C-alpha atoms as a PDB file:
ATOM      1  CA  MET A   1      45.194 -30.034  90.467  1.00  0.00           C
ATOM      2  CA  ILE A   2      47.019 -26.870  91.412  1.00  0.00           C
ATOM      3  CA  ASN A   3      47.432 -24.309  89.027  1.00  0.00           C
ATOM      4  CA  ILE A   4      49.723 -21.539  89.165  1.00  0.00           C
ATOM      5  CA  PHE A   5      50.012 -18.205  87.211  1.00  0.00           C
ATOM      6  CA  THR A   6      52.749 -16.369  87.729  1.00  0.00           C
ATOM      7  CA  ASP A   7      54.378 -12.932  85.932  1.00  0.00           C
ATOM      8  CA  GLY A   8      57.301 -10.237  86.053  1.00  0.00           C
ATOM      9  CA  ALA A   9      57.325  -6.664  85.285  1.00  0.00           C
ATOM     10  CA  SER A  10      59.698  -4.344  84.551  1.00  0.00           C
ATOM     11  CA  ARG A  11      59.293  -0.427  83.731  1.00  0.00           C
ATOM     12  CA  SER A  12      62.167   0.212  81.759  1.00  0.00           C
ATOM     13  CA  ASN A  13      64.125  -2.590  80.891  1.00  0.00           C
ATOM     14  CA  PRO A  14      65.931  -3.024  83.598  1.00  0.00           C
ATOM     15  CA  GLY A  15      63.967  -0.528  85.720  1.00  0.00           C
ATOM     16  CA  LEU A  16      61.662  -0.806  88.728  1.00  0.00           C
ATOM     17  CA  ALA A  17      60.451  -4.255  88.857  1.00  0.00           C
ATOM     18  CA  SER A  18      58.248  -6.772  90.378  1.00  0.00           C
ATOM     19  CA  CYS A  19      56.971 -10.204  90.444  1.00  0.00           C
ATOM     20  CA  GLY A  20      53.534 -11.775  91.299  1.00  0.00           C
ATOM     21  CA  TYR A  21      51.907 -15.397  91.612  1.00  0.00           C
ATOM     22  CA  VAL A  22      48.725 -16.552  92.063  1.00  0.00           C
ATOM     23  CA  ILE A  23      47.788 -19.984  93.179  1.00  0.00           C
ATOM     24  CA  PHE A  24      44.375 -21.959  92.638  1.00  0.00           C
ATOM     25  CA  ASN A  25      43.750 -25.772  93.803  1.00  0.00           C
ATOM     26  CA  GLU A  26      41.154 -26.038  90.897  1.00  0.00           C
ATOM     27  CA  GLU A  27      39.027 -22.828  90.828  1.00  0.00           C
ATOM     28  CA  THR A  28      39.630 -21.943  94.833  1.00  0.00           C
ATOM     29  CA  LEU A  29      41.936 -19.179  95.403  1.00  0.00           C
ATOM     30  CA  VAL A  30      44.831 -20.679  97.779  1.00  0.00           C
ATOM     31  CA  GLU A  31      47.522 -17.397  97.541  1.00  0.00           C
ATOM     32  CA  GLU A  32      48.047 -14.566  96.029  1.00  0.00           C
ATOM     33  CA  TYR A  33      51.556 -12.751  96.385  1.00  0.00           C
ATOM     34  CA  SER A  34      53.841  -9.523  94.796  1.00  0.00           C
ATOM     35  CA  GLU A  35      56.979  -7.723  95.669  1.00  0.00           C
ATOM     36  CA  PHE A  36      58.738  -5.478  94.583  1.00  0.00           C
ATOM     37  CA  LEU A  37      62.266  -6.330  92.951  1.00  0.00           C
ATOM     38  CA  GLY A  38      64.225  -3.195  93.046  1.00  0.00           C
ATOM     39  CA  ILE A  39      66.125  -2.731  89.207  1.00  0.00           C
ATOM     40  CA  LYS A  40      65.911  -5.781  87.517  1.00  0.00           C
ATOM     41  CA  THR A  41      65.564  -6.868  83.979  1.00  0.00           C
ATOM     42  CA  ASN A  42      61.655  -8.370  82.684  1.00  0.00           C
ATOM     43  CA  ASN A  43      62.937 -11.752  82.342  1.00  0.00           C
ATOM     44  CA  PHE A  44      64.715 -11.736  86.196  1.00  0.00           C
ATOM     45  CA  ALA A  45      61.329 -11.130  87.247  1.00  0.00           C
ATOM     46  CA  GLU A  46      59.451 -13.511  85.538  1.00  0.00           C
ATOM     47  CA  TYR A  47      61.914 -16.186  86.745  1.00  0.00           C
ATOM     48  CA  PHE A  48      61.874 -14.956  90.300  1.00  0.00           C
ATOM     49  CA  ALA A  49      57.963 -14.933  90.358  1.00  0.00           C
ATOM     50  CA  VAL A  50      58.196 -18.789  88.973  1.00  0.00           C
ATOM     51  CA  CYS A  51      60.517 -19.377  92.398  1.00  0.00           C
ATOM     52  CA  LYS A  52      58.634 -17.824  94.481  1.00  0.00           C
ATOM     53  CA  ALA A  53      55.030 -19.718  93.702  1.00  0.00           C
ATOM     54  CA  LEU A  54      57.296 -22.804  93.619  1.00  0.00           C
ATOM     55  CA  GLU A  55      58.589 -22.393  96.975  1.00  0.00           C
ATOM     56  CA  ARG A  56      55.316 -21.494  98.476  1.00  0.00           C
ATOM     57  CA  CYS A  57      54.038 -24.606  97.063  1.00  0.00           C
ATOM     58  CA  ILE A  58      56.760 -26.967  98.498  1.00  0.00           C
ATOM     59  CA  LEU A  59      56.051 -25.240 101.899  1.00  0.00           C
ATOM     60  CA  LEU A  60      51.859 -25.717 101.288  1.00  0.00           C
ATOM     61  CA  HIS A  61      52.674 -29.461 100.315  1.00  0.00           C
ATOM     62  CA  LEU A  62      51.363 -28.527  96.627  1.00  0.00           C
ATOM     63  CA  THR A  63      52.708 -31.447  94.901  1.00  0.00           C
ATOM     64  CA  ASP A  64      51.396 -31.395  91.628  1.00  0.00           C
ATOM     65  CA  VAL A  65      51.401 -28.347  90.076  1.00  0.00           C
ATOM     66  CA  THR A  66      51.093 -26.513  86.584  1.00  0.00           C
ATOM     67  CA  VAL A  67      52.996 -23.315  86.030  1.00  0.00           C
ATOM     68  CA  TYR A  68      51.199 -20.556  83.761  1.00  0.00           C
ATOM     69  CA  CYS A  69      53.404 -18.078  82.498  1.00  0.00           C
ATOM     70  CA  ASP A  70      53.386 -15.522  79.368  1.00  0.00           C
ATOM     71  CA  SER A  71      56.963 -15.403  79.234  1.00  0.00           C
ATOM     72  CA  LEU A  72      57.948 -17.415  76.407  1.00  0.00           C
ATOM     73  CA  LEU A  73      61.617 -17.582  77.422  1.00  0.00           C
ATOM     74  CA  VAL A  74      61.148 -18.815  80.931  1.00  0.00           C
ATOM     75  CA  VAL A  75      58.549 -21.684  79.738  1.00  0.00           C
ATOM     76  CA  ASN A  76      60.926 -22.755  76.636  1.00  0.00           C
ATOM     77  CA  GLN A  77      63.704 -22.469  78.933  1.00  0.00           C
ATOM     78  CA  CYS A  78      61.968 -24.763  81.825  1.00  0.00           C
ATOM     79  CA  ASN A  79      60.931 -26.937  79.235  1.00  0.00           C
ATOM     80  CA  HIS A  80      64.304 -27.350  77.745  1.00  0.00           C
ATOM     81  CA  LYS A  81      63.273 -26.188  74.263  1.00  0.00           C
ATOM     82  CA  TRP A  82      65.608 -23.332  74.373  1.00  0.00           C
ATOM     83  CA  LYS A  83      69.270 -22.982  76.304  1.00  0.00           C
ATOM     84  CA  VAL A  84      69.572 -20.666  79.100  1.00  0.00           C
ATOM     85  CA  ARG A  85      72.428 -18.260  77.777  1.00  0.00           C
ATOM     86  CA  SER A  86      72.385 -15.456  80.301  1.00  0.00           C
ATOM     87  CA  GLY A  87      74.402 -15.335  82.831  1.00  0.00           C
ATOM     88  CA  ASP A  88      72.026 -13.658  85.170  1.00  0.00           C
ATOM     89  CA  LEU A  89      69.145 -15.947  84.545  1.00  0.00           C
ATOM     90  CA  TYR A  90      70.950 -19.089  84.857  1.00  0.00           C
ATOM     91  CA  PRO A  91      71.073 -19.162  88.765  1.00  0.00           C
ATOM     92  CA  LEU A  92      67.210 -18.430  88.793  1.00  0.00           C
ATOM     93  CA  TYR A  93      66.933 -21.257  86.057  1.00  0.00           C
ATOM     94  CA  ASN A  94      68.976 -23.561  88.751  1.00  0.00           C
ATOM     95  CA  THR A  95      66.731 -22.936  91.226  1.00  0.00           C
ATOM     96  CA  VAL A  96      63.521 -23.471  89.437  1.00  0.00           C
ATOM     97  CA  MET A  97      64.753 -26.836  88.399  1.00  0.00           C
ATOM     98  CA  LYS A  98      65.801 -27.828  91.854  1.00  0.00           C
ATOM     99  CA  LEU A  99      62.502 -26.406  93.092  1.00  0.00           C
ATOM    100  CA  SER A 100      60.769 -28.580  90.553  1.00  0.00           C
ATOM    101  CA  ARG A 101      62.449 -31.867  92.030  1.00  0.00           C
ATOM    102  CA  GLU A 102      61.032 -31.367  94.924  1.00  0.00           C
ATOM    103  CA  LEU A 103      57.374 -31.632  93.584  1.00  0.00           C
ATOM    104  CA  HIS A 104      55.920 -34.524  92.219  1.00  0.00           C
ATOM    105  CA  THR A 105      54.886 -32.848  88.488  1.00  0.00           C
ATOM    106  CA  VAL A 106      55.427 -29.575  87.532  1.00  0.00           C
ATOM    107  CA  THR A 107      54.503 -28.667  83.985  1.00  0.00           C
ATOM    108  CA  PHE A 108      55.179 -25.568  82.396  1.00  0.00           C
ATOM    109  CA  ILE A 109      52.679 -23.814  80.088  1.00  0.00           C
ATOM    110  CA  HIS A 110      52.696 -20.848  77.654  1.00  0.00           C
ATOM    111  CA  ILE A 111      49.758 -18.408  77.981  1.00  0.00           C
ATOM    112  CA  PRO A 112      48.944 -14.948  76.213  1.00  0.00           C
ATOM    113  CA  ARG A 113      49.329 -12.217  78.147  1.00  0.00           C
ATOM    114  CA  GLU A 114      45.352 -11.344  78.456  1.00  0.00           C
ATOM    115  CA  LYS A 115      45.123 -14.884  79.471  1.00  0.00           C
ATOM    116  CA  ASN A 116      47.739 -13.757  83.240  1.00  0.00           C
ATOM    117  CA  SER A 117      45.780 -10.874  83.886  1.00  0.00           C
ATOM    118  CA  HIS A 118      45.730 -11.380  87.616  1.00  0.00           C
ATOM    119  CA  ALA A 119      49.487 -12.147  88.015  1.00  0.00           C
ATOM    120  CA  ASP A 120      49.933  -9.301  86.158  1.00  0.00           C
ATOM    121  CA  ARG A 121      47.498  -7.035  88.196  1.00  0.00           C
ATOM    122  CA  LEU A 122      49.652  -7.874  91.155  1.00  0.00           C
ATOM    123  CA  CYS A 123      52.927  -7.149  89.628  1.00  0.00           C
ATOM    124  CA  ASN A 124      51.544  -3.761  88.568  1.00  0.00           C
ATOM    125  CA  GLU A 125      50.294  -2.935  92.163  1.00  0.00           C
ATOM    126  CA  ALA A 126      53.468  -3.540  93.667  1.00  0.00           C
ATOM    127  CA  LEU A 127      55.447  -1.212  91.084  1.00  0.00           C
ATOM    128  CA  ASP A 128      52.438   1.809  91.721  1.00  0.00           C
ATOM    129  CA  LYS A 129      52.833   1.101  95.902  1.00  0.00           C
ATOM    130  CA  GLN A 130      56.672   1.306  95.444  1.00  0.00           C
ATOM    131  CA  ALA A 131      56.011   4.759  93.339  1.00  0.00           C
ATOM    132  CA  LEU A 132      53.419   6.132  95.938  1.00  0.00           C
ATOM    133  CA  THR A 133      55.869   5.337  98.519  1.00  0.00           C
ATOM    134  CA  LYS A 134      58.489   7.033  97.331  1.00  0.00           C
ATOM    135  CA  LEU A 135      56.738   9.563  96.124  1.00  0.00           C
ATOM    136  CA  ILE A 136      55.044  10.241  99.666  1.00  0.00           C
ATOM    137  CA  LYS A 137      58.692  10.051 101.580  1.00  0.00           C
ATOM    138  CA  THR A 138      60.300  12.997  98.827  1.00  0.00           C
ATOM    139  CA  THR A 139      57.673  15.236  99.435  1.00  0.00           C
ATOM    140  CA  GLY A 140      56.920  14.684 103.324  1.00  0.00           C
ATOM    141  CA  GLY A 141      53.150  13.680 102.662  1.00  0.00           C
END
């Protein structure tokens, strides 16, 4: 079974945002990934992380996946418990649903933030790297 942990972060909301995911095959690390997203909302970043992780699973031919996410909004919308009311999130939700259909099984499970520390760390590292890059550019160092 493939276990994916996803997270999104936004410093301010909206603000500088990033996403990250970690893919495990059982307990073996398959891949970790993070990306700076620019100015986005936290919910956008959370959804974007799920999209990126599912896209990667398709490319790696990983077909039975469980997505663990600390965003109750993303999990409940992807499990069809809550409606997607945000026009900004609807295209991402549609992408998640389309990607899910390309896999054999996809299960979305909500986890507390403290159980998602690896993906959270990746998000913060992406934001810190962006801040450092900007600082170096502005100071000429």
